């Protein structure tokens, strides 16, 4: 099955929507989508990575799910 092309803005929105359903991670955490060898990667600031490890794990889980479905569209 072909992956759907989506913008980085839409991916951030998808992360925020999914994060809002969990109590251990605030959906307002700063997330950026950057191109990578895997197609794209969700990154956040070092402050949040150090202070919110549960949230970082949640973001990594969501990233894995979304990477199976979406590919980053070229601007």
PDB file of N, CA and C in Angstrom:
ATOM      1  N   UNK A   1       0.839  -1.176   0.000  1.00  0.00           N
ATOM      2  CA  UNK A   1       0.000   0.000   0.000  1.00  0.00           C
ATOM      3  C   UNK A   1       0.888   1.244   0.000  1.00  0.00           C
ATOM      4  N   UNK A   2       0.585   2.182  -0.863  1.00  0.00           N
ATOM      5  CA  UNK A   2       1.363   3.414  -0.965  1.00  0.00           C
ATOM      6  C   UNK A   2       1.082   4.320   0.240  1.00  0.00           C
ATOM      7  N   UNK A   3       2.139   4.975   0.688  1.00  0.00           N
ATOM      8  CA  UNK A   3       1.984   5.905   1.804  1.00  0.00           C
ATOM      9  C   UNK A   3       1.421   7.227   1.297  1.00  0.00           C
ATOM     10  N   UNK A   4       0.665   7.887   2.155  1.00  0.00           N
ATOM     11  CA  UNK A   4       0.069   9.174   1.806  1.00  0.00           C
ATOM     12  C   UNK A   4       1.080  10.287   2.046  1.00  0.00           C
ATOM     13  N   UNK A   5       1.149  11.229   1.127  1.00  0.00           N
ATOM     14  CA  UNK A   5       2.015  12.400   1.291  1.00  0.00           C
ATOM     15  C   UNK A   5       1.290  13.421   2.154  1.00  0.00           C
ATOM     16  N   UNK A   6       2.018  13.977   3.104  1.00  0.00           N
ATOM     17  CA  UNK A   6       1.435  14.937   4.022  1.00  0.00           C
ATOM     18  C   UNK A   6       2.497  15.970   4.393  1.00  0.00           C
ATOM     19  N   UNK A   7       2.057  17.178   4.692  1.00  0.00           N
ATOM     20  CA  UNK A   7       2.988  18.247   5.056  1.00  0.00           C
ATOM     21  C   UNK A   7       3.442  18.098   6.503  1.00  0.00           C
ATOM     22  N   UNK A   8       4.534  18.758   6.827  1.00  0.00           N
ATOM     23  CA  UNK A   8       5.032  18.718   8.201  1.00  0.00           C
ATOM     24  C   UNK A   8       4.029  19.358   9.162  1.00  0.00           C
ATOM     25  N   UNK A   9       3.325  20.374   8.712  1.00  0.00           N
ATOM     26  CA  UNK A   9       2.311  21.027   9.535  1.00  0.00           C
ATOM     27  C   UNK A   9       1.190  20.062   9.879  1.00  0.00           C
ATOM     28  N   UNK A  10       0.750  19.285   8.900  1.00  0.00           N
ATOM     29  CA  UNK A  10      -0.300  18.304   9.148  1.00  0.00           C
ATOM     30  C   UNK A  10       0.177  17.209  10.099  1.00  0.00           C
ATOM     31  N   UNK A  11       1.426  16.801   9.963  1.00  0.00           N
ATOM     32  CA  UNK A  11       1.970  15.789  10.875  1.00  0.00           C
ATOM     33  C   UNK A  11       2.001  16.304  12.311  1.00  0.00           C
ATOM     34  N   UNK A  12       2.413  17.544  12.501  1.00  0.00           N
ATOM     35  CA  UNK A  12       2.429  18.123  13.845  1.00  0.00           C
ATOM     36  C   UNK A  12       1.014  18.133  14.411  1.00  0.00           C
ATOM     37  N   UNK A  13       0.049  18.496  13.594  1.00  0.00           N
ATOM     38  CA  UNK A  13      -1.349  18.505  14.032  1.00  0.00           C
ATOM     39  C   UNK A  13      -1.784  17.097  14.454  1.00  0.00           C
ATOM     40  N   UNK A  14      -1.390  16.077  13.699  1.00  0.00           N
ATOM     41  CA  UNK A  14      -1.734  14.692  14.041  1.00  0.00           C
ATOM     42  C   UNK A  14      -1.112  14.288  15.375  1.00  0.00           C
ATOM     43  N   UNK A  15       0.140  14.693  15.597  1.00  0.00           N
ATOM     44  CA  UNK A  15       0.783  14.414  16.881  1.00  0.00           C
ATOM     45  C   UNK A  15      -0.008  15.066  18.012  1.00  0.00           C
ATOM     46  N   UNK A  16      -0.359  16.320  17.848  1.00  0.00           N
ATOM     47  CA  UNK A  16      -1.087  17.029  18.902  1.00  0.00           C
ATOM     48  C   UNK A  16      -2.432  16.380  19.197  1.00  0.00           C
ATOM     49  N   UNK A  17      -3.138  15.960  18.162  1.00  0.00           N
ATOM     50  CA  UNK A  17      -4.416  15.292  18.351  1.00  0.00           C
ATOM     51  C   UNK A  17      -4.246  14.001  19.143  1.00  0.00           C
ATOM     52  N   UNK A  18      -3.258  13.219  18.798  1.00  0.00           N
ATOM     53  CA  UNK A  18      -3.039  11.945  19.492  1.00  0.00           C
ATOM     54  C   UNK A  18      -2.548  12.160  20.920  1.00  0.00           C
ATOM     55  N   UNK A  19      -1.682  13.145  21.116  1.00  0.00           N
ATOM     56  CA  UNK A  19      -1.173  13.415  22.456  1.00  0.00           C
ATOM     57  C   UNK A  19      -2.272  13.906  23.395  1.00  0.00           C
ATOM     58  N   UNK A  20      -3.270  14.569  22.870  1.00  0.00           N
ATOM     59  CA  UNK A  20      -4.344  15.103  23.710  1.00  0.00           C
ATOM     60  C   UNK A  20      -5.176  13.998  24.362  1.00  0.00           C
ATOM     61  N   UNK A  21      -5.093  12.782  23.862  1.00  0.00           N
ATOM     62  CA  UNK A  21      -5.862  11.679  24.445  1.00  0.00           C
ATOM     63  C   UNK A  21      -5.134  11.002  25.607  1.00  0.00           C
ATOM     64  N   UNK A  22      -3.924  11.449  25.926  1.00  0.00           N
ATOM     65  CA  UNK A  22      -3.147  10.867  27.019  1.00  0.00           C
ATOM     66  C   UNK A  22      -2.952  11.897  28.124  1.00  0.00           C
ATOM     67  N   UNK A  23      -2.971  11.421  29.363  1.00  0.00           N
ATOM     68  CA  UNK A  23      -2.794  12.315  30.514  1.00  0.00           C
ATOM     69  C   UNK A  23      -1.330  12.600  30.833  1.00  0.00           C
ATOM     70  N   UNK A  24      -0.419  11.755  30.356  1.00  0.00           N
ATOM     71  CA  UNK A  24       0.988  11.898  30.743  1.00  0.00           C
ATOM     72  C   UNK A  24       1.792  12.829  29.840  1.00  0.00           C
ATOM     73  N   UNK A  25       1.144  13.428  28.863  1.00  0.00           N
ATOM     74  CA  UNK A  25       1.874  14.282  27.930  1.00  0.00           C
ATOM     75  C   UNK A  25       0.976  15.418  27.454  1.00  0.00           C
ATOM     76  N   UNK A  26       1.452  16.618  27.602  1.00  0.00           N
ATOM     77  CA  UNK A  26       0.679  17.773  27.158  1.00  0.00           C
ATOM     78  C   UNK A  26       0.764  17.930  25.640  1.00  0.00           C
ATOM     79  N   UNK A  27      -0.357  18.173  24.972  1.00  0.00           N
ATOM     80  CA  UNK A  27      -0.306  18.342  23.523  1.00  0.00           C
ATOM     81  C   UNK A  27       0.374  19.646  23.094  1.00  0.00           C
ATOM     82  N   UNK A  28       0.683  20.516  24.054  1.00  0.00           N
ATOM     83  CA  UNK A  28       1.340  21.776  23.698  1.00  0.00           C
ATOM     84  C   UNK A  28       2.870  21.652  23.655  1.00  0.00           C
ATOM     85  N   UNK A  29       3.402  20.448  23.841  1.00  0.00           N
ATOM     86  CA  UNK A  29       4.847  20.246  23.760  1.00  0.00           C
ATOM     87  C   UNK A  29       5.330  20.657  22.374  1.00  0.00           C
ATOM     88  N   UNK A  30       6.448  21.385  22.291  1.00  0.00           N
ATOM     89  CA  UNK A  30       6.929  21.819  20.976  1.00  0.00           C
ATOM     90  C   UNK A  30       7.441  20.625  20.161  1.00  0.00           C
ATOM     91  N   UNK A  31       6.878  20.459  18.971  1.00  0.00           N
ATOM     92  CA  UNK A  31       7.273  19.362  18.075  1.00  0.00           C
ATOM     93  C   UNK A  31       7.579  19.963  16.713  1.00  0.00           C
ATOM     94  N   UNK A  32       8.660  19.496  16.120  1.00  0.00           N
ATOM     95  CA  UNK A  32       9.009  19.872  14.745  1.00  0.00           C
ATOM     96  C   UNK A  32       9.210  18.589  13.948  1.00  0.00           C
ATOM     97  N   UNK A  33       8.808  18.609  12.707  1.00  0.00           N
ATOM     98  CA  UNK A  33       9.009  17.482  11.808  1.00  0.00           C
ATOM     99  C   UNK A  33      10.141  17.856  10.863  1.00  0.00           C
ATOM    100  N   UNK A  34      11.173  17.026  10.845  1.00  0.00           N
ATOM    101  CA  UNK A  34      12.339  17.295   9.996  1.00  0.00           C
ATOM    102  C   UNK A  34      12.606  16.097   9.092  1.00  0.00           C
ATOM    103  N   UNK A  35      13.052  16.354   7.870  1.00  0.00           N
ATOM    104  CA  UNK A  35      13.417  15.235   6.988  1.00  0.00           C
ATOM    105  C   UNK A  35      14.584  14.455   7.588  1.00  0.00           C
ATOM    106  N   UNK A  36      14.582  13.133   7.378  1.00  0.00           N
ATOM    107  CA  UNK A  36      15.659  12.294   7.879  1.00  0.00           C
ATOM    108  C   UNK A  36      15.836  11.104   6.952  1.00  0.00           C
ATOM    109  N   UNK A  37      16.814  10.263   7.272  1.00  0.00           N
ATOM    110  CA  UNK A  37      17.043   9.066   6.471  1.00  0.00           C
ATOM    111  C   UNK A  37      15.836   8.137   6.497  1.00  0.00           C
ATOM    112  N   UNK A  38      15.081   8.163   7.579  1.00  0.00           N
ATOM    113  CA  UNK A  38      13.882   7.329   7.704  1.00  0.00           C
ATOM    114  C   UNK A  38      12.679   7.965   7.019  1.00  0.00           C
ATOM    115  N   UNK A  39      12.868   9.116   6.414  1.00  0.00           N
ATOM    116  CA  UNK A  39      11.779   9.842   5.763  1.00  0.00           C
ATOM    117  C   UNK A  39      11.502  11.145   6.484  1.00  0.00           C
ATOM    118  N   UNK A  40      11.181  11.044   7.759  1.00  0.00           N
ATOM    119  CA  UNK A  40      10.981  12.211   8.609  1.00  0.00           C
ATOM    120  C   UNK A  40      11.109  11.781  10.069  1.00  0.00           C
ATOM    121  N   UNK A  41      11.393  12.765  10.921  1.00  0.00           N
ATOM    122  CA  UNK A  41      11.547  12.524  12.353  1.00  0.00           C
ATOM    123  C   UNK A  41      10.882  13.654  13.117  1.00  0.00           C
ATOM    124  N   UNK A  42      10.215  13.294  14.206  1.00  0.00           N
ATOM    125  CA  UNK A  42       9.629  14.283  15.102  1.00  0.00           C
ATOM    126  C   UNK A  42      10.669  14.621  16.172  1.00  0.00           C
ATOM    127  N   UNK A  43      10.946  15.895  16.353  1.00  0.00           N
ATOM    128  CA  UNK A  43      11.923  16.323  17.356  1.00  0.00           C
ATOM    129  C   UNK A  43      11.271  17.337  18.290  1.00  0.00           C
ATOM    130  N   UNK A  44      11.823  17.423  19.487  1.00  0.00           N
ATOM    131  CA  UNK A  44      11.383  18.411  20.459  1.00  0.00           C
ATOM    132  C   UNK A  44      12.623  18.991  21.136  1.00  0.00           C
ATOM    133  N   UNK A  45      12.437  19.983  21.947  1.00  0.00           N
ATOM    134  CA  UNK A  45      13.575  20.673  22.551  1.00  0.00           C
ATOM    135  C   UNK A  45      14.266  19.805  23.604  1.00  0.00           C
ATOM    136  N   UNK A  46      15.554  20.038  23.822  1.00  0.00           N
ATOM    137  CA  UNK A  46      16.292  19.274  24.839  1.00  0.00           C
ATOM    138  C   UNK A  46      15.669  19.395  26.234  1.00  0.00           C
ATOM    139  N   UNK A  47      15.106  20.529  26.531  1.00  0.00           N
ATOM    140  CA  UNK A  47      14.475  20.740  27.837  1.00  0.00           C
ATOM    141  C   UNK A  47      13.332  19.743  28.056  1.00  0.00           C
ATOM    142  N   UNK A  48      12.516  19.539  27.041  1.00  0.00           N
ATOM    143  CA  UNK A  48      11.409  18.595  27.169  1.00  0.00           C
ATOM    144  C   UNK A  48      11.896  17.150  27.136  1.00  0.00           C
ATOM    145  N   UNK A  49      12.919  16.873  26.334  1.00  0.00           N
ATOM    146  CA  UNK A  49      13.461  15.509  26.294  1.00  0.00           C
ATOM    147  C   UNK A  49      14.001  15.109  27.663  1.00  0.00           C
ATOM    148  N   UNK A  50      14.653  16.037  28.356  1.00  0.00           N
ATOM    149  CA  UNK A  50      15.229  15.737  29.670  1.00  0.00           C
ATOM    150  C   UNK A  50      14.158  15.706  30.758  1.00  0.00           C
ATOM    151  N   UNK A  51      13.192  16.592  30.672  1.00  0.00           N
ATOM    152  CA  UNK A  51      12.209  16.732  31.743  1.00  0.00           C
ATOM    153  C   UNK A  51      10.956  15.890  31.593  1.00  0.00           C
ATOM    154  N   UNK A  52      10.686  15.410  30.387  1.00  0.00           N
ATOM    155  CA  UNK A  52       9.451  14.648  30.149  1.00  0.00           C
ATOM    156  C   UNK A  52       9.739  13.346  29.392  1.00  0.00           C
ATOM    157  N   UNK A  53      10.492  12.418  29.987  1.00  0.00           N
ATOM    158  CA  UNK A  53      10.849  11.189  29.260  1.00  0.00           C
ATOM    159  C   UNK A  53       9.633  10.347  28.863  1.00  0.00           C
ATOM    160  N   UNK A  54       8.568  10.363  29.683  1.00  0.00           N
ATOM    161  CA  UNK A  54       7.361   9.614  29.319  1.00  0.00           C
ATOM    162  C   UNK A  54       6.727  10.185  28.057  1.00  0.00           C
ATOM    163  N   UNK A  55       6.746  11.484  27.963  1.00  0.00           N
ATOM    164  CA  UNK A  55       6.181  12.150  26.791  1.00  0.00           C
ATOM    165  C   UNK A  55       7.032  11.858  25.547  1.00  0.00           C
ATOM    166  N   UNK A  56       8.329  11.836  25.711  1.00  0.00           N
ATOM    167  CA  UNK A  56       9.227  11.528  24.588  1.00  0.00           C
ATOM    168  C   UNK A  56       8.963  10.117  24.077  1.00  0.00           C
ATOM    169  N   UNK A  57       8.769   9.172  24.987  1.00  0.00           N
ATOM    170  CA  UNK A  57       8.444   7.800  24.573  1.00  0.00           C
ATOM    171  C   UNK A  57       7.114   7.757  23.835  1.00  0.00           C
ATOM    172  N   UNK A  58       6.152   8.522  24.296  1.00  0.00           N
ATOM    173  CA  UNK A  58       4.841   8.585  23.642  1.00  0.00           C
ATOM    174  C   UNK A  58       4.993   9.148  22.223  1.00  0.00           C
ATOM    175  N   UNK A  59       5.793  10.194  22.067  1.00  0.00           N
ATOM    176  CA  UNK A  59       6.031  10.780  20.744  1.00  0.00           C
ATOM    177  C   UNK A  59       6.696   9.758  19.829  1.00  0.00           C
ATOM    178  N   UNK A  60       7.642   9.002  20.349  1.00  0.00           N
ATOM    179  CA  UNK A  60       8.311   7.975  19.542  1.00  0.00           C
ATOM    180  C   UNK A  60       7.324   6.898  19.096  1.00  0.00           C
ATOM    181  N   UNK A  61       6.390   6.520  19.959  1.00  0.00           N
ATOM    182  CA  UNK A  61       5.371   5.533  19.601  1.00  0.00           C
ATOM    183  C   UNK A  61       4.469   6.061  18.490  1.00  0.00           C
ATOM    184  N   UNK A  62       4.041   7.295  18.643  1.00  0.00           N
ATOM    185  CA  UNK A  62       3.171   7.906  17.632  1.00  0.00           C
ATOM    186  C   UNK A  62       3.930   8.050  16.320  1.00  0.00           C
ATOM    187  N   UNK A  63       5.193   8.440  16.393  1.00  0.00           N
ATOM    188  CA  UNK A  63       6.022   8.581  15.191  1.00  0.00           C
ATOM    189  C   UNK A  63       6.082   7.259  14.431  1.00  0.00           C
ATOM    190  N   UNK A  64       6.287   6.163  15.142  1.00  0.00           N
ATOM    191  CA  UNK A  64       6.349   4.850  14.496  1.00  0.00           C
ATOM    192  C   UNK A  64       5.032   4.535  13.778  1.00  0.00           C
ATOM    193  N   UNK A  65       3.929   4.817  14.419  1.00  0.00           N
ATOM    194  CA  UNK A  65       2.618   4.562  13.817  1.00  0.00           C
ATOM    195  C   UNK A  65       2.401   5.415  12.568  1.00  0.00           C
ATOM    196  N   UNK A  66       2.728   6.697  12.667  1.00  0.00           N
ATOM    197  CA  UNK A  66       2.481   7.606  11.552  1.00  0.00           C
ATOM    198  C   UNK A  66       3.443   7.370  10.389  1.00  0.00           C
ATOM    199  N   UNK A  67       4.667   6.957  10.681  1.00  0.00           N
ATOM    200  CA  UNK A  67       5.634   6.664   9.602  1.00  0.00           C
ATOM    201  C   UNK A  67       5.160   5.509   8.721  1.00  0.00           C
ATOM    202  N   UNK A  68       4.390   4.591   9.301  1.00  0.00           N
ATOM    203  CA  UNK A  68       3.867   3.469   8.525  1.00  0.00           C
ATOM    204  C   UNK A  68       2.827   3.910   7.501  1.00  0.00           C
ATOM    205  N   UNK A  69       2.235   5.084   7.716  1.00  0.00           N
ATOM    206  CA  UNK A  69       1.130   5.545   6.883  1.00  0.00           C
ATOM    207  C   UNK A  69       1.495   6.756   6.023  1.00  0.00           C
ATOM    208  N   UNK A  70       2.341   7.641   6.561  1.00  0.00           N
ATOM    209  CA  UNK A  70       2.598   8.925   5.911  1.00  0.00           C
ATOM    210  C   UNK A  70       4.060   9.120   5.525  1.00  0.00           C
ATOM    211  N   UNK A  71       4.245   9.777   4.403  1.00  0.00           N
ATOM    212  CA  UNK A  71       5.559  10.199   3.961  1.00  0.00           C
ATOM    213  C   UNK A  71       5.520  11.724   3.862  1.00  0.00           C
ATOM    214  N   UNK A  72       6.634  12.361   4.161  1.00  0.00           N
ATOM    215  CA  UNK A  72       6.701  13.813   4.164  1.00  0.00           C
ATOM    216  C   UNK A  72       6.652  14.347   2.736  1.00  0.00           C
ATOM    217  N   UNK A  73       5.726  15.254   2.479  1.00  0.00           N
ATOM    218  CA  UNK A  73       5.583  15.858   1.159  1.00  0.00           C
ATOM    219  C   UNK A  73       6.694  16.888   0.957  1.00  0.00           C
ATOM    220  N   UNK A  74       7.147  17.019  -0.236  1.00  0.00           N
ATOM    221  CA  UNK A  74       8.158  18.036  -0.579  1.00  0.00           C
ATOM    222  C   UNK A  74       7.465  19.384  -0.695  1.00  0.00           C
ATOM    223  N   UNK A  75       8.098  20.400  -0.139  1.00  0.00           N
ATOM    224  CA  UNK A  75       7.505  21.751  -0.195  1.00  0.00           C
ATOM    225  C   UNK A  75       7.699  22.395  -1.535  1.00  0.00           C
TER     226      UNK A  75
END
